[in-house]
Amino acid sequence: MNTEKDYKKTVTIDTDIALVYIAITKEINEWWGTNDGNASDIHNIFKIKFSGESYWKFKIIDLVENESVVWKCIESNQDHNIKGMDEEWLNSTIIWNLSKREEGCIVIFQHNGLKPSGVCYDACATAWDFYLVDSLKNYLETGIGKPNMM
């Protein structure tokens, strides 16, 4: 039995839960990467690109407004030249759970399939930490995200 944990991060963002949901589904360009597609409707496919040749395609598996979002990676093309990285992303799922608290919105983010023993974990966990805390949180609290920075 594999007891290894998937990457998970909890972030408190001092803003309304509806604005967090909108940022995750409609404003990805402002805090993560260039979104080529519609990430706000169930079953849609969208593509996240960075400079260079790196991109990921996701299918929206589940959407519950102001509560949760689930994406499944259906294609990965990373130009990091790390053998096995694309395979780790393929069929992985990204889960966003949102809850309202007095101090703002709690975002519980999980990347199922991104495990510490994987070749991508160190680089990808560092990137997720940056995009969740330094970019998404900053974007929602100050209006200034840091997309395409990693």
N, C-alpha and C. Protein backbone atom coordinates (compact mmCIF):
# COMPACT_ATOMS: atom_id res chain seq x y z
N MET A 1 0.84 -1.19 0.00
CA MET A 1 0.00 0.00 0.00
C MET A 1 0.89 1.25 0.00
N ASN A 2 0.61 2.15 -0.91
CA ASN A 2 1.37 3.38 -1.03
C ASN A 2 0.76 4.43 -0.09
N THR A 3 1.54 4.84 0.91
CA THR A 3 1.05 5.83 1.87
C THR A 3 1.57 7.23 1.56
N GLU A 4 2.20 7.36 0.43
CA GLU A 4 2.76 8.64 0.03
C GLU A 4 1.64 9.66 -0.22
N LYS A 5 1.81 10.85 0.27
CA LYS A 5 0.78 11.89 0.14
C LYS A 5 0.98 12.71 -1.13
N ASP A 6 -0.14 13.07 -1.76
CA ASP A 6 -0.11 13.98 -2.88
C ASP A 6 0.18 15.39 -2.38
N TYR A 7 0.65 16.24 -3.28
CA TYR A 7 0.90 17.64 -2.92
C TYR A 7 -0.41 18.28 -2.47
N LYS A 8 -0.35 18.99 -1.36
CA LYS A 8 -1.53 19.68 -0.82
C LYS A 8 -1.08 20.97 -0.17
N LYS A 9 -1.83 22.02 -0.36
CA LYS A 9 -1.50 23.33 0.21
C LYS A 9 -2.79 24.02 0.63
N THR A 10 -2.78 24.59 1.82
CA THR A 10 -3.92 25.37 2.30
C THR A 10 -3.48 26.83 2.39
N VAL A 11 -4.29 27.70 1.82
CA VAL A 11 -3.97 29.13 1.78
C VAL A 11 -5.21 29.91 2.22
N THR A 12 -5.01 30.87 3.11
CA THR A 12 -6.09 31.78 3.49
C THR A 12 -5.92 33.06 2.69
N ILE A 13 -6.97 33.46 2.01
CA ILE A 13 -6.92 34.66 1.17
C ILE A 13 -7.96 35.65 1.70
N ASP A 14 -7.53 36.84 1.97
CA ASP A 14 -8.39 37.88 2.54
C ASP A 14 -9.23 38.52 1.43
N THR A 15 -10.24 37.76 1.01
CA THR A 15 -11.17 38.25 0.00
C THR A 15 -12.43 37.39 0.03
N ASP A 16 -13.40 37.77 -0.77
CA ASP A 16 -14.65 37.05 -0.85
C ASP A 16 -14.47 35.74 -1.62
N ILE A 17 -15.15 34.70 -1.19
CA ILE A 17 -15.06 33.39 -1.83
C ILE A 17 -15.42 33.43 -3.31
N ALA A 18 -16.39 34.27 -3.68
CA ALA A 18 -16.80 34.38 -5.08
C ALA A 18 -15.67 34.89 -5.95
N LEU A 19 -14.85 35.80 -5.42
CA LEU A 19 -13.72 36.32 -6.19
C LEU A 19 -12.64 35.27 -6.38
N VAL A 20 -12.46 34.40 -5.41
CA VAL A 20 -11.50 33.30 -5.55
C VAL A 20 -11.98 32.35 -6.64
N TYR A 21 -13.24 32.00 -6.61
CA TYR A 21 -13.80 31.11 -7.62
C TYR A 21 -13.63 31.71 -9.02
N ILE A 22 -13.90 32.99 -9.16
CA ILE A 22 -13.74 33.66 -10.46
C ILE A 22 -12.27 33.62 -10.90
N ALA A 23 -11.35 33.86 -9.99
CA ALA A 23 -9.92 33.84 -10.34
C ALA A 23 -9.49 32.47 -10.84
N ILE A 24 -10.02 31.41 -10.25
CA ILE A 24 -9.66 30.04 -10.63
C ILE A 24 -10.32 29.63 -11.95
N THR A 25 -11.48 30.15 -12.24
CA THR A 25 -12.21 29.72 -13.42
C THR A 25 -12.16 30.69 -14.60
N LYS A 26 -11.94 31.98 -14.33
CA LYS A 26 -12.02 32.97 -15.41
C LYS A 26 -10.82 33.90 -15.52
N GLU A 27 -9.97 33.94 -14.51
CA GLU A 27 -8.86 34.91 -14.51
C GLU A 27 -7.50 34.24 -14.34
N ILE A 28 -7.36 33.04 -14.88
CA ILE A 28 -6.11 32.28 -14.77
C ILE A 28 -4.92 33.07 -15.34
N ASN A 29 -5.17 33.84 -16.40
CA ASN A 29 -4.10 34.65 -17.01
C ASN A 29 -3.48 35.64 -16.02
N GLU A 30 -4.23 36.02 -15.01
CA GLU A 30 -3.78 37.04 -14.07
C GLU A 30 -2.84 36.52 -13.00
N TRP A 31 -2.80 35.20 -12.78
CA TRP A 31 -1.99 34.68 -11.67
C TRP A 31 -1.19 33.41 -11.98
N TRP A 32 -1.50 32.70 -13.09
CA TRP A 32 -0.78 31.45 -13.35
C TRP A 32 -0.05 31.49 -14.68
N GLY A 33 -0.74 31.27 -15.77
CA GLY A 33 -0.12 31.25 -17.09
C GLY A 33 -1.13 31.70 -18.12
N THR A 34 -0.75 31.66 -19.37
CA THR A 34 -1.64 32.07 -20.44
C THR A 34 -2.67 30.98 -20.67
N ASN A 35 -3.93 31.33 -20.46
CA ASN A 35 -5.03 30.39 -20.61
C ASN A 35 -5.59 30.51 -22.02
N ASP A 36 -5.51 29.40 -22.74
CA ASP A 36 -6.04 29.34 -24.10
C ASP A 36 -7.27 28.43 -24.06
N GLY A 37 -8.40 28.99 -23.68
CA GLY A 37 -9.62 28.20 -23.60
C GLY A 37 -10.52 28.71 -22.49
N ASN A 38 -11.64 28.03 -22.30
CA ASN A 38 -12.63 28.41 -21.31
C ASN A 38 -12.54 27.46 -20.13
N ALA A 39 -12.14 27.97 -18.98
CA ALA A 39 -11.99 27.14 -17.78
C ALA A 39 -13.16 27.32 -16.82
N SER A 40 -14.28 27.82 -17.32
CA SER A 40 -15.40 28.10 -16.42
C SER A 40 -16.65 27.27 -16.68
N ASP A 41 -16.56 26.28 -17.56
CA ASP A 41 -17.71 25.43 -17.84
C ASP A 41 -17.31 23.96 -17.75
N ILE A 42 -18.18 23.16 -17.15
CA ILE A 42 -17.94 21.73 -16.97
C ILE A 42 -17.67 21.07 -18.33
N HIS A 43 -16.73 20.16 -18.33
CA HIS A 43 -16.31 19.36 -19.49
C HIS A 43 -15.49 20.13 -20.52
N ASN A 44 -15.32 21.43 -20.36
CA ASN A 44 -14.47 22.18 -21.27
C ASN A 44 -13.02 21.76 -21.12
N ILE A 45 -12.25 22.04 -22.16
CA ILE A 45 -10.81 21.79 -22.15
C ILE A 45 -10.13 23.14 -22.32
N PHE A 46 -9.12 23.37 -21.49
CA PHE A 46 -8.35 24.59 -21.63
C PHE A 46 -6.87 24.25 -21.55
N LYS A 47 -6.05 25.17 -22.06
CA LYS A 47 -4.60 24.95 -22.17
C LYS A 47 -3.88 26.08 -21.46
N ILE A 48 -2.96 25.71 -20.58
CA ILE A 48 -2.12 26.69 -19.89
C ILE A 48 -0.74 26.66 -20.54
N LYS A 49 -0.26 27.84 -20.96
CA LYS A 49 1.03 27.93 -21.62
C LYS A 49 1.92 28.91 -20.86
N PHE A 50 3.20 28.67 -20.97
CA PHE A 50 4.22 29.59 -20.47
C PHE A 50 5.13 29.94 -21.64
N SER A 51 6.13 30.77 -21.40
CA SER A 51 7.09 31.04 -22.47
C SER A 51 7.80 29.72 -22.79
N GLY A 52 8.32 29.63 -23.96
CA GLY A 52 8.93 28.37 -24.37
C GLY A 52 7.86 27.41 -24.86
N GLU A 53 8.14 26.14 -24.74
CA GLU A 53 7.25 25.12 -25.29
C GLU A 53 6.35 24.46 -24.25
N SER A 54 6.48 24.81 -22.98
CA SER A 54 5.69 24.15 -21.93
C SER A 54 4.21 24.50 -22.02
N TYR A 55 3.37 23.46 -21.90
CA TYR A 55 1.93 23.68 -21.78
C TYR A 55 1.31 22.44 -21.15
N TRP A 56 0.10 22.63 -20.62
CA TRP A 56 -0.71 21.56 -20.05
C TRP A 56 -2.14 21.78 -20.54
N LYS A 57 -2.82 20.69 -20.88
CA LYS A 57 -4.24 20.76 -21.21
C LYS A 57 -5.01 20.08 -20.09
N PHE A 58 -6.09 20.73 -19.68
CA PHE A 58 -6.94 20.23 -18.61
C PHE A 58 -8.38 20.13 -19.08
N LYS A 59 -9.06 19.11 -18.58
CA LYS A 59 -10.50 18.99 -18.78
C LYS A 59 -11.15 19.28 -17.43
N ILE A 60 -12.19 20.09 -17.47
CA ILE A 60 -12.90 20.42 -16.23
C ILE A 60 -13.83 19.27 -15.91
N ILE A 61 -13.53 18.61 -14.79
CA ILE A 61 -14.28 17.42 -14.37
C ILE A 61 -15.46 17.79 -13.48
N ASP A 62 -15.28 18.79 -12.64
CA ASP A 62 -16.34 19.16 -11.70
C ASP A 62 -16.25 20.64 -11.37
N LEU A 63 -17.38 21.27 -11.25
CA LEU A 63 -17.49 22.68 -10.84
C LEU A 63 -18.69 22.82 -9.91
N VAL A 64 -18.46 23.35 -8.74
CA VAL A 64 -19.54 23.73 -7.85
C VAL A 64 -19.24 25.18 -7.47
N GLU A 65 -20.04 26.08 -7.97
CA GLU A 65 -19.76 27.51 -7.82
C GLU A 65 -19.48 27.88 -6.36
N ASN A 66 -18.38 28.58 -6.17
CA ASN A 66 -17.94 29.08 -4.86
C ASN A 66 -17.63 27.96 -3.86
N GLU A 67 -17.46 26.72 -4.34
CA GLU A 67 -17.13 25.60 -3.45
C GLU A 67 -15.95 24.77 -3.94
N SER A 68 -16.00 24.31 -5.19
CA SER A 68 -14.94 23.43 -5.65
C SER A 68 -14.79 23.44 -7.17
N VAL A 69 -13.57 23.10 -7.58
CA VAL A 69 -13.22 22.99 -9.00
C VAL A 69 -12.28 21.80 -9.11
N VAL A 70 -12.50 20.96 -10.13
CA VAL A 70 -11.62 19.83 -10.36
C VAL A 70 -11.22 19.80 -11.83
N TRP A 71 -9.90 19.75 -12.06
CA TRP A 71 -9.35 19.65 -13.40
C TRP A 71 -8.60 18.33 -13.53
N LYS A 72 -8.68 17.72 -14.70
CA LYS A 72 -7.87 16.53 -15.01
C LYS A 72 -6.91 16.89 -16.12
N CYS A 73 -5.63 16.59 -15.92
CA CYS A 73 -4.62 16.87 -16.94
C CYS A 73 -4.73 15.80 -18.03
N ILE A 74 -5.02 16.25 -19.25
CA ILE A 74 -5.17 15.31 -20.36
C ILE A 74 -4.01 15.38 -21.35
N GLU A 75 -3.15 16.38 -21.19
CA GLU A 75 -1.97 16.48 -22.04
C GLU A 75 -0.92 17.32 -21.31
N SER A 76 0.33 16.89 -21.42
CA SER A 76 1.43 17.62 -20.77
C SER A 76 2.62 17.66 -21.71
N ASN A 77 3.16 18.86 -21.88
CA ASN A 77 4.35 19.03 -22.71
C ASN A 77 5.26 20.04 -22.01
N GLN A 78 6.14 19.54 -21.18
CA GLN A 78 7.03 20.41 -20.41
C GLN A 78 8.42 20.40 -21.03
N ASP A 79 8.97 21.57 -21.19
CA ASP A 79 10.29 21.68 -21.81
C ASP A 79 11.43 21.73 -20.80
N HIS A 80 11.23 21.08 -19.66
CA HIS A 80 12.26 21.05 -18.61
C HIS A 80 13.29 19.95 -18.84
N ASN A 81 13.05 19.10 -19.81
CA ASN A 81 13.95 17.99 -20.12
C ASN A 81 14.19 17.07 -18.94
N ILE A 82 13.15 16.83 -18.16
CA ILE A 82 13.23 15.89 -17.04
C ILE A 82 12.39 14.68 -17.43
N LYS A 83 13.07 13.56 -17.65
CA LYS A 83 12.40 12.33 -18.09
C LYS A 83 11.35 11.89 -17.07
N GLY A 84 10.15 11.67 -17.55
CA GLY A 84 9.06 11.20 -16.71
C GLY A 84 8.14 12.30 -16.19
N MET A 85 8.51 13.55 -16.38
CA MET A 85 7.71 14.65 -15.86
C MET A 85 6.33 14.72 -16.53
N ASP A 86 6.30 14.60 -17.83
CA ASP A 86 5.01 14.66 -18.53
C ASP A 86 4.11 13.51 -18.10
N GLU A 87 4.68 12.33 -17.95
CA GLU A 87 3.90 11.16 -17.56
C GLU A 87 3.30 11.34 -16.16
N GLU A 88 4.01 12.01 -15.27
CA GLU A 88 3.47 12.26 -13.92
C GLU A 88 2.26 13.19 -13.96
N TRP A 89 2.29 14.16 -14.83
CA TRP A 89 1.16 15.09 -14.93
C TRP A 89 -0.04 14.46 -15.62
N LEU A 90 0.21 13.64 -16.63
CA LEU A 90 -0.87 13.06 -17.41
C LEU A 90 -1.82 12.27 -16.51
N ASN A 91 -3.10 12.57 -16.59
CA ASN A 91 -4.18 11.96 -15.79
C ASN A 91 -4.16 12.34 -14.32
N SER A 92 -3.28 13.25 -13.92
CA SER A 92 -3.35 13.75 -12.55
C SER A 92 -4.54 14.70 -12.44
N THR A 93 -5.00 14.92 -11.21
CA THR A 93 -6.14 15.82 -11.01
C THR A 93 -5.75 16.94 -10.06
N ILE A 94 -6.30 18.09 -10.35
CA ILE A 94 -6.08 19.27 -9.51
C ILE A 94 -7.43 19.63 -8.91
N ILE A 95 -7.44 19.69 -7.59
CA ILE A 95 -8.68 19.91 -6.85
C ILE A 95 -8.57 21.19 -6.03
N TRP A 96 -9.53 22.05 -6.19
CA TRP A 96 -9.65 23.29 -5.43
C TRP A 96 -10.89 23.18 -4.56
N ASN A 97 -10.74 23.24 -3.25
CA ASN A 97 -11.88 23.31 -2.34
C ASN A 97 -11.84 24.65 -1.64
N LEU A 98 -12.96 25.35 -1.68
CA LEU A 98 -13.06 26.69 -1.13
C LEU A 98 -14.05 26.69 0.03
N SER A 99 -13.71 27.42 1.07
CA SER A 99 -14.66 27.60 2.17
C SER A 99 -14.52 29.01 2.73
N LYS A 100 -15.66 29.55 3.13
CA LYS A 100 -15.70 30.91 3.66
C LYS A 100 -15.40 30.88 5.14
N ARG A 101 -14.56 31.77 5.57
CA ARG A 101 -14.22 31.93 6.99
C ARG A 101 -14.25 33.41 7.32
N GLU A 102 -14.25 33.71 8.58
CA GLU A 102 -14.25 35.10 9.02
C GLU A 102 -13.06 35.87 8.46
N GLU A 103 -11.90 35.19 8.38
CA GLU A 103 -10.68 35.84 7.90
C GLU A 103 -10.57 35.87 6.38
N GLY A 104 -11.58 35.39 5.68
CA GLY A 104 -11.57 35.40 4.23
C GLY A 104 -11.95 34.05 3.66
N CYS A 105 -11.26 33.64 2.64
CA CYS A 105 -11.53 32.37 1.98
C CYS A 105 -10.37 31.41 2.23
N ILE A 106 -10.71 30.20 2.62
CA ILE A 106 -9.72 29.14 2.78
C ILE A 106 -9.71 28.35 1.47
N VAL A 107 -8.54 28.25 0.87
CA VAL A 107 -8.37 27.45 -0.34
C VAL A 107 -7.56 26.21 0.04
N ILE A 108 -8.15 25.06 -0.16
CA ILE A 108 -7.42 23.80 0.02
C ILE A 108 -7.19 23.27 -1.38
N PHE A 109 -5.93 23.27 -1.76
CA PHE A 109 -5.51 22.88 -3.11
C PHE A 109 -4.81 21.53 -3.02
N GLN A 110 -5.17 20.62 -3.91
CA GLN A 110 -4.50 19.32 -3.94
C GLN A 110 -4.23 18.93 -5.38
N HIS A 111 -2.99 18.48 -5.61
CA HIS A 111 -2.62 17.96 -6.93
C HIS A 111 -2.44 16.46 -6.77
N ASN A 112 -3.51 15.71 -7.05
CA ASN A 112 -3.46 14.25 -6.93
C ASN A 112 -2.62 13.69 -8.07
N GLY A 113 -1.59 12.96 -7.70
CA GLY A 113 -0.65 12.41 -8.67
C GLY A 113 0.72 13.04 -8.54
N LEU A 114 0.81 14.18 -7.87
CA LEU A 114 2.10 14.83 -7.63
C LEU A 114 2.59 14.36 -6.26
N LYS A 115 3.50 13.38 -6.27
CA LYS A 115 3.96 12.73 -5.05
C LYS A 115 5.44 12.98 -4.82
N PRO A 116 5.88 13.00 -3.57
CA PRO A 116 7.29 13.28 -3.25
C PRO A 116 8.30 12.37 -3.95
N SER A 117 7.94 11.14 -4.28
CA SER A 117 8.89 10.24 -4.94
C SER A 117 9.00 10.51 -6.44
N GLY A 118 8.13 11.34 -6.98
CA GLY A 118 8.13 11.60 -8.42
C GLY A 118 9.26 12.53 -8.84
N VAL A 119 9.59 12.48 -10.12
CA VAL A 119 10.67 13.31 -10.66
C VAL A 119 10.31 14.79 -10.68
N CYS A 120 9.02 15.09 -10.70
CA CYS A 120 8.56 16.47 -10.80
C CYS A 120 8.34 17.13 -9.44
N TYR A 121 8.27 16.35 -8.38
CA TYR A 121 7.75 16.88 -7.12
C TYR A 121 8.46 18.14 -6.65
N ASP A 122 9.77 18.13 -6.54
CA ASP A 122 10.47 19.30 -6.00
C ASP A 122 10.22 20.55 -6.82
N ALA A 123 10.38 20.45 -8.12
CA ALA A 123 10.18 21.61 -8.99
C ALA A 123 8.70 22.03 -9.02
N CYS A 124 7.82 21.05 -9.12
CA CYS A 124 6.40 21.36 -9.25
C CYS A 124 5.80 21.87 -7.95
N ALA A 125 6.19 21.28 -6.81
CA ALA A 125 5.70 21.76 -5.52
C ALA A 125 6.16 23.19 -5.27
N THR A 126 7.40 23.48 -5.62
CA THR A 126 7.92 24.85 -5.48
C THR A 126 7.12 25.81 -6.36
N ALA A 127 6.82 25.39 -7.57
CA ALA A 127 6.04 26.24 -8.48
C ALA A 127 4.62 26.43 -7.94
N TRP A 128 3.97 25.36 -7.48
CA TRP A 128 2.63 25.51 -6.91
C TRP A 128 2.65 26.43 -5.70
N ASP A 129 3.63 26.27 -4.81
CA ASP A 129 3.75 27.17 -3.66
C ASP A 129 3.78 28.62 -4.12
N PHE A 130 4.60 28.89 -5.13
CA PHE A 130 4.72 30.24 -5.66
C PHE A 130 3.39 30.73 -6.24
N TYR A 131 2.78 29.93 -7.12
CA TYR A 131 1.56 30.38 -7.78
C TYR A 131 0.38 30.51 -6.83
N LEU A 132 0.32 29.67 -5.81
CA LEU A 132 -0.79 29.76 -4.86
C LEU A 132 -0.61 30.91 -3.87
N VAL A 133 0.59 31.07 -3.34
CA VAL A 133 0.82 32.06 -2.28
C VAL A 133 1.28 33.40 -2.85
N ASP A 134 2.31 33.39 -3.66
CA ASP A 134 2.86 34.65 -4.16
C ASP A 134 2.06 35.26 -5.31
N SER A 135 1.36 34.43 -6.06
CA SER A 135 0.66 34.98 -7.21
C SER A 135 -0.86 35.06 -7.00
N LEU A 136 -1.54 33.92 -6.79
CA LEU A 136 -3.00 33.94 -6.62
C LEU A 136 -3.42 34.78 -5.41
N LYS A 137 -2.84 34.51 -4.27
CA LYS A 137 -3.17 35.26 -3.05
C LYS A 137 -2.88 36.75 -3.25
N ASN A 138 -1.72 37.05 -3.79
CA ASN A 138 -1.34 38.45 -4.03
C ASN A 138 -2.29 39.11 -5.02
N TYR A 139 -2.65 38.38 -6.07
CA TYR A 139 -3.58 38.92 -7.06
C TYR A 139 -4.92 39.28 -6.42
N LEU A 140 -5.44 38.38 -5.61
CA LEU A 140 -6.74 38.61 -5.01
C LEU A 140 -6.72 39.65 -3.89
N GLU A 141 -5.60 39.81 -3.22
CA GLU A 141 -5.53 40.78 -2.12
C GLU A 141 -5.03 42.15 -2.55
N THR A 142 -4.25 42.22 -3.64
CA THR A 142 -3.69 43.51 -4.05
C THR A 142 -4.02 43.89 -5.50
N GLY A 143 -4.51 42.92 -6.27
CA GLY A 143 -4.77 43.18 -7.69
C GLY A 143 -3.58 42.91 -8.59
N ILE A 144 -2.48 42.45 -8.00
CA ILE A 144 -1.25 42.21 -8.78
C ILE A 144 -0.82 40.75 -8.62
N GLY A 145 -1.02 39.97 -9.68
CA GLY A 145 -0.55 38.59 -9.70
C GLY A 145 0.82 38.52 -10.35
N LYS A 146 1.38 37.33 -10.36
CA LYS A 146 2.70 37.12 -10.96
C LYS A 146 2.65 35.92 -11.92
N PRO A 147 1.84 36.03 -12.97
CA PRO A 147 1.74 34.91 -13.91
C PRO A 147 3.02 34.75 -14.71
N ASN A 148 3.22 33.52 -15.20
CA ASN A 148 4.35 33.21 -16.09
C ASN A 148 5.70 33.48 -15.47
N MET A 149 5.83 33.41 -14.15
CA MET A 149 7.09 33.74 -13.48
C MET A 149 7.99 32.53 -13.21
N MET A 150 7.44 31.35 -13.18
CA MET A 150 8.26 30.18 -12.83
C MET A 150 8.62 29.41 -14.09
